[in-house]
Amino acid sequence: TAWLGTALTEMLSTELAAGGGLRPLPGETVARARADLSLEPAQTLSRETLGRLRKATGAALVVHGTFLDLGARGNGRVRLDVRLVDAARGELLTSFSEEGEEAALDAVTSRAGSRLLEALGSSRKVAARREARRDREASRLHAEGIARLRLFDARGAEPFLRKAAERAPDDPLLHTDHAEALWRLGRDPEARAAARAAFERLEGLPREERLAAEGKLHEVLGETKEAIEALRALRRLYPDDLEYGLQLAAVQAESGDAKGSLATVAELRKLPAPAGDDVRLDLAEARALSEAEDYRRQEEAAARAAKRAGADGLFAVLARALRLLGTARRALGKGEEAAKAFAEARALHAKAGDRAAEARVIRDAAGLAWDRGDLDASRREVGESLVIFREIGDERGLAVALETLAVLEKAQGRPAAARAYLTEARDLYARQGDQGRLLQATLTLANILVAEGDLAGAARGFREVADGGRSRGSDEQAGLGDANLASVLLWRGELAEALERNARAVETFRRIGHRDFEAASLRTLATILREGLRREEEETTLARAEEVERAQGSAPGPATH
């Protein structure tokens, strides 16, 4: 009956939201706060604990309590004991018990919700309630799944959430939660199918629930522009809701809109305390600054977040802040300090059971080993992350780890091992529908084939990258495919196509401003012209290459950093 706790919490949150004027926190936020503060479900909350909970979540009111399954002796009934507390003052506002049949949990939570709203002087709004349409088994399956998802076990959650959606196929939020579990596992085609199933059923949801679902579903579908618009609409409806603001800032940063994310954080800082002073705003700022490649300010914001989170015992926030601190310090050349931050972040994620986050930090540490030229250490650490990704079923993380191992094997002169890793990575990218990463892995594999002397196989791979990059609108991938193909064609003596492909690469790199690649391609072009006995054009082309290199050498910016 452990699932009843999750189910009752979800149902009661729905009841309170339907009452109007109350903003229940997302279940994931509550779960993380409970873990950070080591709160037990039946624990009586002291004034000090309430203060820490308020600081961790910004909650003004806390509803907590226990349930008791009376079992066969109680004729299949459940008793719910509820307490409502003012988190700021530490005062008990009301406490009561409700009892009813386990088969009709929605009726029990409906009565409990009404009593809570009455205690707050809020009148119930008439609303169609989703839980009333779920049978007991769908509620159980959903509760089992969502509890696992909040404990970072997407692999364990997915079967429960899939069965819940199959049991209650008209419930859009069951499909939404299933899509999120699949998305976390990197099973993108399945996640997109679940997201589309949810979209088809959103009509009829209250506006807030619909917009919140749309934001998540658009993100799963890779439609970040639409996800941002949905979250902006929620911000306009509820400008004082910190959670929606943090979600918006996160999606903006993930989409590359660092400026927009920083603007959202600045607006959220204007909210009255404690929301406007929430430590997660420092974390969101650091994440946006990472996207902006402003590493000094990222270091400052991440260090500030880590210090505050550590003082308040908010270990989930602390772990994320330490990782951002490590990435900033790595970019700034502070290798030892970055390693320390990564080690602390890894330990915290491992303790919390967030194995996916742990594996990502291990991969970051592997990058530090690469930076200092210790390829053996880098390979060991990437291998550790790969083991974790396999165990938890994270296909997206696994594919990236495989590709990274392939690069390391190639660098250490083991092309056969590199090819094996890349083949598996490419299969995963193809299954995920990730065309960009598939082409990148194909590019790496083609370079390995060059080293092994398989010029025909390499030419096929480079041609696939060039044509695929153009079809998906990636100028850089198209240019790299053309440039590498031109070199292979030159070695094979196919000068006409080599000249055509290389000229196309030069123009592509010039257009997108990638001067290093433009200069290298010009030098290859000069070699092709020399082989074709076009000496005058060769000299002109070499002069152009030197001109680009001189300009690049004197230009300020990241390329000369």
Protein backbone atom coordinates (compact mmCIF):
# COMPACT_ATOMS: atom_id res chain seq x y z
CA THR A 1 0.00 0.00 0.00
CA ALA A 2 3.01 2.35 -0.12
CA TRP A 3 1.67 3.68 -3.42
CA LEU A 4 -1.30 5.21 -1.58
CA GLY A 5 0.92 7.92 -0.12
CA THR A 6 1.94 9.17 -3.55
CA ALA A 7 -1.57 8.81 -4.96
CA LEU A 8 -3.20 10.68 -2.07
CA THR A 9 -0.63 13.49 -2.36
CA GLU A 10 -1.25 13.88 -6.09
CA MET A 11 -5.03 13.88 -5.63
CA LEU A 12 -4.94 16.37 -2.78
CA SER A 13 -2.71 18.72 -4.79
CA THR A 14 -5.27 18.61 -7.60
CA GLU A 15 -8.06 19.44 -5.14
CA LEU A 16 -6.19 22.42 -3.69
CA ALA A 17 -5.27 23.79 -7.12
CA ALA A 18 -8.92 23.51 -8.19
CA GLY A 19 -9.93 25.62 -5.19
CA GLY A 20 -8.28 28.72 -6.62
CA GLY A 21 -5.70 31.01 -5.05
CA LEU A 22 -3.33 28.21 -3.99
CA ARG A 23 -0.22 27.18 -5.93
CA PRO A 24 0.80 23.61 -5.02
CA LEU A 25 4.50 22.99 -5.59
CA PRO A 26 5.52 20.45 -8.24
CA GLY A 27 5.85 16.98 -6.78
CA GLU A 28 9.47 16.74 -7.90
CA THR A 29 10.37 19.92 -5.98
CA VAL A 30 8.75 18.52 -2.84
CA ALA A 31 10.46 15.13 -3.26
CA ARG A 32 13.89 16.73 -3.56
CA ALA A 33 13.31 18.98 -0.56
CA ARG A 34 12.21 15.99 1.51
CA ALA A 35 15.35 14.11 0.50
CA ASP A 36 17.64 17.08 1.18
CA LEU A 37 16.11 17.72 4.60
CA SER A 38 15.77 13.99 5.44
CA LEU A 39 12.05 14.37 6.18
CA GLU A 40 9.99 11.30 7.00
CA PRO A 41 6.33 11.22 5.91
CA ALA A 42 5.00 10.86 9.45
CA GLN A 43 7.41 13.37 10.97
CA THR A 44 6.11 16.26 13.05
CA LEU A 45 7.64 19.44 11.61
CA SER A 46 9.39 21.73 14.07
CA ARG A 47 9.55 25.49 13.57
CA GLU A 48 13.20 25.13 12.54
CA THR A 49 12.38 22.41 10.01
CA LEU A 50 9.53 24.49 8.61
CA GLY A 51 11.93 27.39 8.18
CA ARG A 52 14.37 25.21 6.25
CA LEU A 53 11.54 23.83 4.15
CA ARG A 54 10.33 27.35 3.37
CA LYS A 55 13.85 28.37 2.37
CA ALA A 56 14.22 25.27 0.20
CA THR A 57 10.91 25.61 -1.65
CA GLY A 58 9.46 29.06 -0.96
CA ALA A 59 6.31 27.41 0.42
CA ALA A 60 4.07 29.64 2.55
CA LEU A 61 1.86 26.74 3.72
CA VAL A 62 2.68 23.09 4.34
CA VAL A 63 0.18 20.26 4.21
CA HIS A 64 1.46 17.04 5.74
CA GLY A 65 0.20 14.02 7.57
CA THR A 66 -0.23 10.25 7.40
CA PHE A 67 -2.59 7.65 6.02
CA LEU A 68 -3.61 4.29 7.39
CA ASP A 69 -4.90 1.41 5.30
CA LEU A 70 -7.41 -0.21 7.66
CA GLY A 71 -7.33 -3.44 5.61
CA ALA A 72 -9.82 -6.25 5.79
CA ARG A 73 -10.78 -5.44 9.36
CA GLY A 74 -11.72 -1.94 8.26
CA ASN A 75 -13.75 -3.18 5.29
CA GLY A 76 -11.18 -1.87 2.80
CA ARG A 77 -11.20 1.66 4.18
CA VAL A 78 -8.45 4.27 4.42
CA ARG A 79 -7.99 6.95 7.06
CA LEU A 80 -6.22 10.18 6.18
CA ASP A 81 -4.80 12.40 8.97
CA VAL A 82 -4.03 15.92 7.73
CA ARG A 83 -2.23 18.92 9.23
CA LEU A 84 -2.04 22.41 7.71
CA VAL A 85 0.80 24.60 8.97
CA ASP A 86 1.86 28.20 8.32
CA ALA A 87 5.50 27.71 7.30
CA ALA A 88 6.54 31.30 8.06
CA ARG A 89 5.16 31.42 11.62
CA GLY A 90 5.29 27.72 12.41
CA GLU A 91 1.64 27.74 13.50
CA LEU A 92 -0.80 24.88 13.14
CA LEU A 93 -3.83 26.20 11.24
CA THR A 94 -5.97 23.08 11.29
CA SER A 95 -5.80 19.31 11.70
CA PHE A 96 -8.42 16.66 11.01
CA SER A 97 -9.05 13.11 9.81
CA GLU A 98 -11.01 11.82 6.85
CA GLU A 99 -11.99 8.23 6.21
CA GLY A 100 -13.45 6.39 3.22
CA GLU A 101 -13.25 3.39 0.97
CA GLU A 102 -9.92 2.73 -0.69
CA ALA A 103 -11.80 2.16 -3.96
CA ALA A 104 -13.02 5.78 -3.80
CA LEU A 105 -9.84 7.69 -2.89
CA ASP A 106 -10.99 10.68 -4.92
CA ALA A 107 -13.96 11.15 -2.57
CA VAL A 108 -11.66 11.06 0.48
CA THR A 109 -9.27 13.64 -0.97
CA SER A 110 -12.19 15.76 -2.19
CA ARG A 111 -13.53 16.06 1.36
CA ALA A 112 -10.03 16.69 2.74
CA GLY A 113 -9.43 19.38 0.13
CA SER A 114 -12.71 21.08 0.97
CA ARG A 115 -11.83 21.19 4.67
CA LEU A 116 -8.39 22.64 3.96
CA LEU A 117 -9.85 25.32 1.70
CA GLU A 118 -12.48 26.16 4.30
CA ALA A 119 -9.74 26.58 6.92
CA LEU A 120 -8.09 29.10 4.60
CA GLY A 121 -11.34 30.90 3.84
CA SER A 122 -11.28 29.83 0.20
CA SER A 123 -14.43 28.58 -1.53
CA ARG A 124 -14.27 25.62 -3.87
CA LYS A 125 -14.55 26.26 -7.57
CA VAL A 126 -16.63 23.79 -9.55
CA ALA A 127 -14.27 21.88 -11.79
CA ALA A 128 -14.20 18.56 -13.56
CA ARG A 129 -11.64 16.53 -11.70
CA ARG A 130 -9.35 14.20 -13.55
CA GLU A 131 -8.80 11.79 -10.65
CA ALA A 132 -12.48 10.89 -10.54
CA ARG A 133 -12.10 9.34 -13.99
CA ARG A 134 -9.18 7.12 -12.98
CA ASP A 135 -9.85 3.70 -11.59
CA ARG A 136 -7.91 2.36 -8.64
CA GLU A 137 -5.45 0.37 -10.74
CA ALA A 138 -4.56 3.34 -12.98
CA SER A 139 -4.00 5.47 -9.87
CA ARG A 140 -1.82 2.75 -8.33
CA LEU A 141 0.28 2.32 -11.46
CA HIS A 142 0.74 6.07 -11.85
CA ALA A 143 1.70 6.50 -8.20
CA GLU A 144 4.23 3.66 -8.39
CA GLY A 145 5.74 5.15 -11.54
CA ILE A 146 5.87 8.78 -10.50
CA ALA A 147 7.44 7.87 -7.13
CA ARG A 148 10.27 6.09 -8.97
CA LEU A 149 10.68 8.93 -11.47
CA ARG A 150 11.15 11.42 -8.63
CA LEU A 151 13.83 9.16 -7.18
CA PHE A 152 15.77 9.27 -10.49
CA ASP A 153 14.72 5.75 -11.50
CA ALA A 154 13.32 6.43 -14.97
CA ARG A 155 13.97 2.85 -16.05
CA GLY A 156 11.93 1.49 -13.13
CA ALA A 157 9.22 4.13 -13.59
CA GLU A 158 8.60 3.63 -17.31
CA PRO A 159 6.73 0.27 -17.21
CA PHE A 160 4.35 1.55 -14.50
CA LEU A 161 3.65 4.80 -16.34
CA ARG A 162 3.15 2.97 -19.64
CA LYS A 163 0.65 0.58 -18.07
CA ALA A 164 -1.13 3.49 -16.35
CA ALA A 165 -1.53 5.27 -19.70
CA GLU A 166 -2.80 2.05 -21.27
CA ARG A 167 -5.25 1.57 -18.39
CA ALA A 168 -6.61 5.13 -18.65
CA PRO A 169 -5.87 6.06 -22.29
CA ASP A 170 -7.94 9.26 -22.27
CA ASP A 171 -5.95 10.86 -19.44
CA PRO A 172 -3.40 13.25 -21.04
CA LEU A 173 -1.27 13.66 -17.94
CA LEU A 174 -0.58 9.94 -17.75
CA HIS A 175 0.76 10.09 -21.31
CA THR A 176 2.75 13.22 -20.37
CA ASP A 177 4.47 11.51 -17.43
CA HIS A 178 5.16 8.45 -19.58
CA ALA A 179 6.70 10.67 -22.26
CA GLU A 180 8.96 12.28 -19.66
CA ALA A 181 10.20 8.90 -18.41
CA LEU A 182 11.02 7.80 -21.96
CA TRP A 183 12.70 11.14 -22.67
CA ARG A 184 14.93 10.79 -19.61
CA LEU A 185 15.96 7.37 -20.88
CA GLY A 186 16.94 8.78 -24.27
CA ARG A 187 14.29 6.70 -26.02
CA ASP A 188 13.32 9.69 -28.11
CA PRO A 189 11.06 8.16 -30.81
CA GLU A 190 8.94 6.45 -28.13
CA ALA A 191 8.92 9.63 -26.06
CA ARG A 192 7.72 11.65 -29.04
CA ALA A 193 4.94 9.12 -29.70
CA ALA A 194 3.78 9.36 -26.07
CA ALA A 195 3.98 13.16 -26.24
CA ARG A 196 1.81 13.24 -29.36
CA ALA A 197 -0.71 10.94 -27.64
CA ALA A 198 -0.84 13.41 -24.75
CA PHE A 199 -1.30 16.40 -27.06
CA GLU A 200 -4.29 14.74 -28.70
CA ARG A 201 -6.03 14.61 -25.30
CA LEU A 202 -5.19 18.01 -23.76
CA GLU A 203 -8.48 19.64 -24.68
CA GLY A 204 -10.69 20.02 -21.63
CA LEU A 205 -7.87 20.42 -19.11
CA PRO A 206 -7.85 23.60 -17.01
CA ARG A 207 -5.71 26.25 -18.69
CA GLU A 208 -2.87 26.05 -16.19
CA GLU A 209 -2.57 22.28 -16.41
CA ARG A 210 -2.76 22.42 -20.19
CA LEU A 211 -0.02 25.03 -20.51
CA ALA A 212 2.24 23.20 -18.04
CA ALA A 213 1.76 19.97 -19.99
CA GLU A 214 2.37 21.76 -23.31
CA GLY A 215 5.65 23.18 -22.01
CA LYS A 216 6.94 19.73 -21.10
CA LEU A 217 5.60 18.03 -24.23
CA HIS A 218 7.07 20.59 -26.61
CA GLU A 219 10.42 20.10 -24.87
CA VAL A 220 10.18 16.33 -25.35
CA LEU A 221 9.38 16.89 -29.04
CA GLY A 222 12.41 19.16 -29.42
CA GLU A 223 10.18 22.18 -30.06
CA THR A 224 11.96 24.55 -27.70
CA LYS A 225 10.46 27.71 -29.18
CA GLU A 226 6.94 26.42 -28.51
CA ALA A 227 7.96 25.17 -25.04
CA ILE A 228 9.23 28.64 -24.17
CA GLU A 229 6.00 30.23 -25.39
CA ALA A 230 3.90 27.91 -23.21
CA LEU A 231 6.01 28.69 -20.15
CA ARG A 232 5.88 32.41 -20.90
CA ALA A 233 2.09 32.15 -21.00
CA LEU A 234 2.19 30.54 -17.54
CA ARG A 235 4.46 33.35 -16.32
CA ARG A 236 1.94 35.92 -17.56
CA LEU A 237 -0.86 34.09 -15.77
CA TYR A 238 1.11 33.57 -12.58
CA PRO A 239 3.94 36.14 -12.49
CA ASP A 240 4.65 35.42 -8.82
CA ASP A 241 5.15 31.66 -9.32
CA LEU A 242 8.85 30.93 -8.90
CA GLU A 243 8.62 27.34 -10.17
CA TYR A 244 7.24 28.30 -13.58
CA GLY A 245 9.89 31.00 -13.85
CA LEU A 246 12.70 28.58 -13.09
CA GLN A 247 11.34 26.14 -15.67
CA LEU A 248 11.29 28.92 -18.27
CA ALA A 249 14.87 29.97 -17.47
CA ALA A 250 16.04 26.35 -17.72
CA VAL A 251 14.44 25.73 -21.14
CA GLN A 252 15.79 29.05 -22.44
CA ALA A 253 19.31 28.11 -21.36
CA GLU A 254 19.03 24.60 -22.83
CA SER A 255 17.89 26.08 -26.15
CA GLY A 256 20.92 28.38 -26.28
CA ASP A 257 19.04 31.57 -25.38
CA ALA A 258 21.42 32.66 -22.62
CA LYS A 259 20.31 36.29 -22.85
CA GLY A 260 16.64 35.35 -22.45
CA SER A 261 17.42 33.03 -19.54
CA LEU A 262 19.38 35.73 -17.71
CA ALA A 263 16.54 38.19 -18.27
CA THR A 264 14.06 35.71 -16.77
CA VAL A 265 16.31 35.22 -13.72
CA ALA A 266 16.59 39.00 -13.28
CA GLU A 267 12.80 39.31 -13.31
CA LEU A 268 12.41 36.49 -10.77
CA ARG A 269 14.84 38.24 -8.43
CA LYS A 270 12.29 41.06 -8.14
CA LEU A 271 9.77 38.73 -6.46
CA PRO A 272 9.24 39.29 -2.73
CA ALA A 273 11.21 37.08 -0.35
CA PRO A 274 11.72 34.22 -0.02
CA ALA A 275 11.06 33.58 -3.74
CA GLY A 276 13.21 36.46 -5.00
CA ASP A 277 16.14 35.29 -2.89
CA ASP A 278 15.87 31.58 -3.70
CA VAL A 279 19.28 29.92 -4.09
CA ARG A 280 18.06 28.21 -7.26
CA LEU A 281 18.15 31.62 -8.96
CA ASP A 282 21.93 31.67 -8.47
CA LEU A 283 22.02 28.19 -9.98
CA ALA A 284 19.89 29.24 -12.97
CA GLU A 285 22.12 32.27 -13.50
CA ALA A 286 25.24 30.08 -13.51
CA ARG A 287 23.63 27.74 -16.06
CA ALA A 288 22.75 30.63 -18.37
CA LEU A 289 26.24 32.11 -18.06
CA SER A 290 27.68 28.71 -19.02
CA GLU A 291 25.64 28.85 -22.23
CA ALA A 292 26.89 32.42 -22.81
CA GLU A 293 30.49 31.17 -22.29
CA ASP A 294 30.97 33.88 -19.63
CA TYR A 295 33.01 31.58 -17.44
CA ARG A 296 34.24 34.09 -14.85
CA ARG A 297 30.72 35.19 -13.99
CA GLN A 298 29.58 31.55 -14.16
CA GLU A 299 32.22 30.69 -11.57
CA GLU A 300 31.02 33.50 -9.30
CA ALA A 301 27.34 32.54 -9.55
CA ALA A 302 28.03 28.82 -9.10
CA ALA A 303 30.28 29.44 -6.10
CA ARG A 304 27.60 31.63 -4.55
CA ALA A 305 24.95 28.95 -5.10
CA ALA A 306 27.21 26.23 -3.68
CA LYS A 307 27.99 28.24 -0.55
CA ARG A 308 24.34 29.03 0.15
CA ALA A 309 23.06 25.54 -0.65
CA GLY A 310 25.71 23.96 1.55
CA ALA A 311 24.83 26.23 4.47
CA ASP A 312 21.12 25.38 4.14
CA GLY A 313 21.66 21.65 3.64
CA LEU A 314 20.17 21.67 0.13
CA PHE A 315 22.34 18.91 -1.26
CA ALA A 316 20.61 18.50 -4.64
CA VAL A 317 21.18 22.18 -5.39
CA LEU A 318 24.71 21.95 -4.02
CA ALA A 319 25.58 19.06 -6.34
CA ARG A 320 24.35 20.90 -9.42
CA ALA A 321 26.14 24.09 -8.35
CA LEU A 322 29.42 22.21 -7.86
CA ARG A 323 29.20 20.73 -11.33
CA LEU A 324 28.69 24.18 -12.85
CA LEU A 325 31.56 25.46 -10.71
CA GLY A 326 33.75 22.67 -12.06
CA THR A 327 32.89 23.35 -15.71
CA ALA A 328 33.62 27.06 -15.25
CA ARG A 329 36.97 26.39 -13.60
CA ARG A 330 37.92 23.90 -16.28
CA ALA A 331 37.22 26.52 -18.95
CA LEU A 332 39.32 29.02 -16.97
CA GLY A 333 42.26 26.62 -16.79
CA LYS A 334 41.87 25.88 -13.06
CA GLY A 335 42.21 22.14 -13.40
CA GLU A 336 42.85 21.17 -9.77
CA GLU A 337 40.01 23.30 -8.44
CA ALA A 338 37.70 21.92 -11.12
CA ALA A 339 38.63 18.35 -10.18
CA LYS A 340 37.77 19.03 -6.54
CA ALA A 341 34.37 20.48 -7.47
CA PHE A 342 33.59 17.51 -9.74
CA ALA A 343 34.59 15.01 -7.04
CA GLU A 344 32.28 16.66 -4.49
CA ALA A 345 29.42 16.84 -6.99
CA ARG A 346 29.87 13.18 -7.90
CA ALA A 347 29.75 12.09 -4.25
CA LEU A 348 26.56 14.08 -3.60
CA HIS A 349 24.78 12.73 -6.69
CA ALA A 350 25.80 9.17 -5.75
CA LYS A 351 24.49 9.62 -2.22
CA ALA A 352 21.17 10.95 -3.54
CA GLY A 353 20.85 8.04 -5.96
CA ASP A 354 20.90 10.29 -9.02
CA ARG A 355 23.09 7.99 -11.07
CA ALA A 356 22.55 9.76 -14.39
CA ALA A 357 23.85 13.02 -12.91
CA GLU A 358 26.72 11.11 -11.30
CA ALA A 359 27.70 9.64 -14.67
CA ARG A 360 27.63 13.06 -16.33
CA VAL A 361 29.98 14.47 -13.69
CA ILE A 362 32.35 11.51 -14.17
CA ARG A 363 32.36 12.34 -17.88
CA ASP A 364 33.22 15.96 -17.02
CA ALA A 365 36.15 14.74 -14.92
CA ALA A 366 37.31 12.65 -17.87
CA GLY A 367 37.53 15.87 -19.85
CA LEU A 368 39.98 17.24 -17.28
CA ALA A 369 42.18 14.16 -17.71
CA TRP A 370 42.06 14.72 -21.48
CA ASP A 371 43.10 18.35 -20.98
CA ARG A 372 46.25 17.33 -19.10
CA GLY A 373 47.07 14.62 -21.65
CA ASP A 374 46.30 11.65 -19.40
CA LEU A 375 44.36 9.59 -21.93
CA ASP A 376 44.44 6.43 -19.82
CA ALA A 377 42.72 8.19 -16.90
CA SER A 378 40.25 9.84 -19.27
CA ARG A 379 39.39 6.46 -20.77
CA ARG A 380 38.89 4.87 -17.34
CA GLU A 381 36.51 7.60 -16.25
CA VAL A 382 34.49 7.57 -19.46
CA GLY A 383 34.30 3.80 -19.05
CA GLU A 384 32.89 4.27 -15.53
CA SER A 385 30.20 6.60 -16.86
CA LEU A 386 29.39 4.12 -19.63
CA VAL A 387 28.78 1.34 -17.09
CA ILE A 388 26.34 3.54 -15.17
CA PHE A 389 24.48 4.64 -18.31
CA ARG A 390 24.06 0.98 -19.32
CA GLU A 391 22.80 0.00 -15.87
CA ILE A 392 20.17 2.74 -15.67
CA GLY A 393 19.08 2.39 -19.29
CA ASP A 394 20.02 5.94 -20.33
CA GLU A 395 20.48 5.46 -24.07
CA ARG A 396 21.35 9.10 -24.76
CA GLY A 397 24.13 9.16 -22.16
CA LEU A 398 25.33 5.74 -23.28
CA ALA A 399 25.67 6.83 -26.91
CA VAL A 400 27.72 9.90 -25.98
CA ALA A 401 29.98 7.80 -23.72
CA LEU A 402 30.53 5.27 -26.52
CA GLU A 403 31.44 8.00 -28.97
CA THR A 404 33.84 9.58 -26.47
CA LEU A 405 35.52 6.20 -25.88
CA ALA A 406 35.90 5.81 -29.63
CA VAL A 407 37.73 9.14 -29.85
CA LEU A 408 40.04 8.08 -27.00
CA GLU A 409 40.73 4.69 -28.57
CA LYS A 410 41.53 6.36 -31.87
CA ALA A 411 43.88 8.82 -30.15
CA GLN A 412 45.69 5.88 -28.49
CA GLY A 413 46.15 4.01 -31.75
CA ARG A 414 43.43 1.38 -31.35
CA PRO A 415 41.25 1.93 -34.44
CA ALA A 416 39.49 -1.45 -34.27
CA ALA A 417 38.22 -0.78 -30.74
CA ALA A 418 37.25 2.75 -31.75
CA ARG A 419 35.28 1.44 -34.71
CA ALA A 420 33.38 -1.03 -32.48
CA TYR A 421 32.36 1.71 -30.03
CA LEU A 422 31.32 4.03 -32.85
CA THR A 423 29.22 1.38 -34.53
CA GLU A 424 27.20 0.91 -31.33
CA ALA A 425 26.94 4.67 -30.81
CA ARG A 426 25.68 5.17 -34.37
CA ASP A 427 23.04 2.47 -33.90
CA LEU A 428 21.81 4.25 -30.75
CA TYR A 429 21.74 7.66 -32.42
CA ALA A 430 19.81 6.18 -35.35
CA ARG A 431 17.28 4.60 -32.97
CA GLN A 432 16.91 7.91 -31.13
CA GLY A 433 16.42 9.81 -34.38
CA ASP A 434 19.32 12.12 -33.46
CA GLN A 435 20.53 12.97 -36.93
CA GLY A 436 23.07 15.56 -35.76
CA ARG A 437 24.94 13.19 -33.46
CA LEU A 438 24.59 10.34 -35.95
CA LEU A 439 26.41 12.42 -38.55
CA GLN A 440 29.07 13.45 -36.03
CA ALA A 441 29.71 9.79 -35.17
CA THR A 442 29.82 8.98 -38.90
CA LEU A 443 32.43 11.71 -39.38
CA THR A 444 34.60 10.24 -36.62
CA LEU A 445 34.19 6.72 -38.03
CA ALA A 446 35.18 7.89 -41.51
CA ASN A 447 38.37 9.43 -40.10
CA ILE A 448 39.19 6.07 -38.47
CA LEU A 449 38.69 4.35 -41.83
CA VAL A 450 41.17 6.81 -43.35
CA ALA A 451 43.75 5.82 -40.72
CA GLU A 452 43.13 2.16 -41.57
CA GLY A 453 43.55 2.80 -45.29
CA ASP A 454 39.91 2.14 -46.24
CA LEU A 455 39.55 5.18 -48.47
CA ALA A 456 36.42 3.89 -50.22
CA GLY A 457 34.62 3.38 -46.91
CA ALA A 458 35.84 6.75 -45.66
CA ALA A 459 34.59 8.48 -48.82
CA ARG A 460 31.12 6.96 -48.31
CA GLY A 461 31.06 8.20 -44.73
CA PHE A 462 32.20 11.75 -45.55
CA ARG A 463 29.70 11.93 -48.41
CA GLU A 464 26.94 10.91 -45.99
CA VAL A 465 28.00 13.66 -43.56
CA ALA A 466 28.16 16.34 -46.25
CA ASP A 467 24.80 15.49 -47.79
CA GLY A 468 23.15 14.87 -44.41
CA GLY A 469 24.45 18.13 -43.00
CA ARG A 470 23.01 20.07 -45.92
CA SER A 471 19.63 18.35 -45.63
CA ARG A 472 19.33 19.21 -41.92
CA GLY A 473 20.64 22.76 -42.35
CA SER A 474 23.96 22.25 -40.53
CA ASP A 475 26.51 24.25 -42.50
CA GLU A 476 29.41 23.17 -40.28
CA GLN A 477 28.69 19.45 -40.72
CA ALA A 478 28.20 19.91 -44.47
CA GLY A 479 31.49 21.80 -44.69
CA LEU A 480 33.40 19.20 -42.70
CA GLY A 481 31.97 16.42 -44.82
CA ASP A 482 32.95 18.19 -48.04
CA ALA A 483 36.43 19.13 -46.79
CA ASN A 484 37.29 15.63 -45.61
CA LEU A 485 35.80 14.03 -48.73
CA ALA A 486 37.92 16.35 -50.88
CA SER A 487 41.09 15.12 -49.15
CA VAL A 488 40.15 11.46 -49.71
CA LEU A 489 39.30 12.12 -53.35
CA LEU A 490 42.65 13.87 -53.77
CA TRP A 491 44.49 10.79 -52.43
CA ARG A 492 42.47 8.62 -54.81
CA GLY A 493 43.37 10.87 -57.74
CA GLU A 494 39.77 11.98 -58.39
CA LEU A 495 40.74 15.62 -58.85
CA ALA A 496 37.61 16.99 -60.51
CA GLU A 497 35.22 16.09 -57.69
CA ALA A 498 37.91 16.86 -55.10
CA LEU A 499 38.14 20.39 -56.50
CA GLU A 500 34.34 20.80 -56.49
CA ARG A 501 33.90 19.52 -52.94
CA ASN A 502 36.78 21.55 -51.55
CA ALA A 503 35.62 24.78 -53.17
CA ARG A 504 32.21 24.19 -51.62
CA ALA A 505 33.83 23.65 -48.19
CA VAL A 506 35.88 26.86 -48.46
CA GLU A 507 32.76 28.87 -49.28
CA THR A 508 30.78 27.26 -46.44
CA PHE A 509 33.46 27.99 -43.82
CA ARG A 510 33.88 31.54 -45.11
CA ARG A 511 30.12 32.14 -44.89
CA ILE A 512 29.77 30.87 -41.31
CA GLY A 513 32.95 32.61 -40.13
CA HIS A 514 34.97 29.47 -39.26
CA ARG A 515 38.36 30.88 -40.24
CA ASP A 516 40.52 27.99 -39.04
CA PHE A 517 38.65 25.52 -41.24
CA GLU A 518 38.56 28.00 -44.11
CA ALA A 519 42.35 28.38 -44.04
CA ALA A 520 42.91 24.61 -43.83
CA SER A 521 40.52 24.02 -46.74
CA LEU A 522 42.30 26.67 -48.81
CA ARG A 523 45.59 24.85 -48.27
CA THR A 524 44.00 21.57 -49.37
CA LEU A 525 42.61 23.40 -52.41
CA ALA A 526 46.11 24.60 -53.24
CA THR A 527 47.36 21.01 -53.12
CA ILE A 528 44.58 19.89 -55.48
CA LEU A 529 45.48 22.68 -57.90
CA ARG A 530 49.15 21.70 -57.75
CA GLU A 531 48.28 18.09 -58.57
CA GLY A 532 46.29 19.42 -61.52
CA LEU A 533 49.32 21.47 -62.65
CA ARG A 534 47.47 24.75 -62.14
CA ARG A 535 50.46 26.55 -60.59
CA GLU A 536 49.24 30.12 -60.85
CA GLU A 537 45.92 29.33 -59.16
CA GLU A 538 47.81 27.34 -56.52
CA GLU A 539 49.92 30.37 -55.57
CA THR A 540 46.87 32.65 -55.42
CA THR A 541 45.06 30.16 -53.21
CA LEU A 542 48.04 29.83 -50.83
CA ALA A 543 48.18 33.60 -50.55
CA ARG A 544 44.47 33.61 -49.61
CA ALA A 545 45.13 30.95 -46.96
CA GLU A 546 47.95 32.98 -45.44
CA GLU A 547 45.78 36.09 -45.44
CA VAL A 548 43.01 34.25 -43.53
CA GLU A 549 45.57 32.85 -41.07
CA ARG A 550 47.09 36.29 -40.44
CA ALA A 551 43.67 37.79 -39.84
CA GLN A 552 42.75 34.94 -37.53
CA GLY A 553 46.00 35.27 -35.62
CA SER A 554 45.40 38.96 -34.94
CA ALA A 555 41.66 38.75 -34.27
CA PRO A 556 40.46 38.95 -30.66
CA GLY A 557 37.94 36.50 -29.26
CA PRO A 558 37.54 32.87 -28.29
CA ALA A 559 39.38 31.54 -31.33
CA THR A 560 42.68 33.07 -30.05
CA HIS A 561 42.03 32.43 -26.33
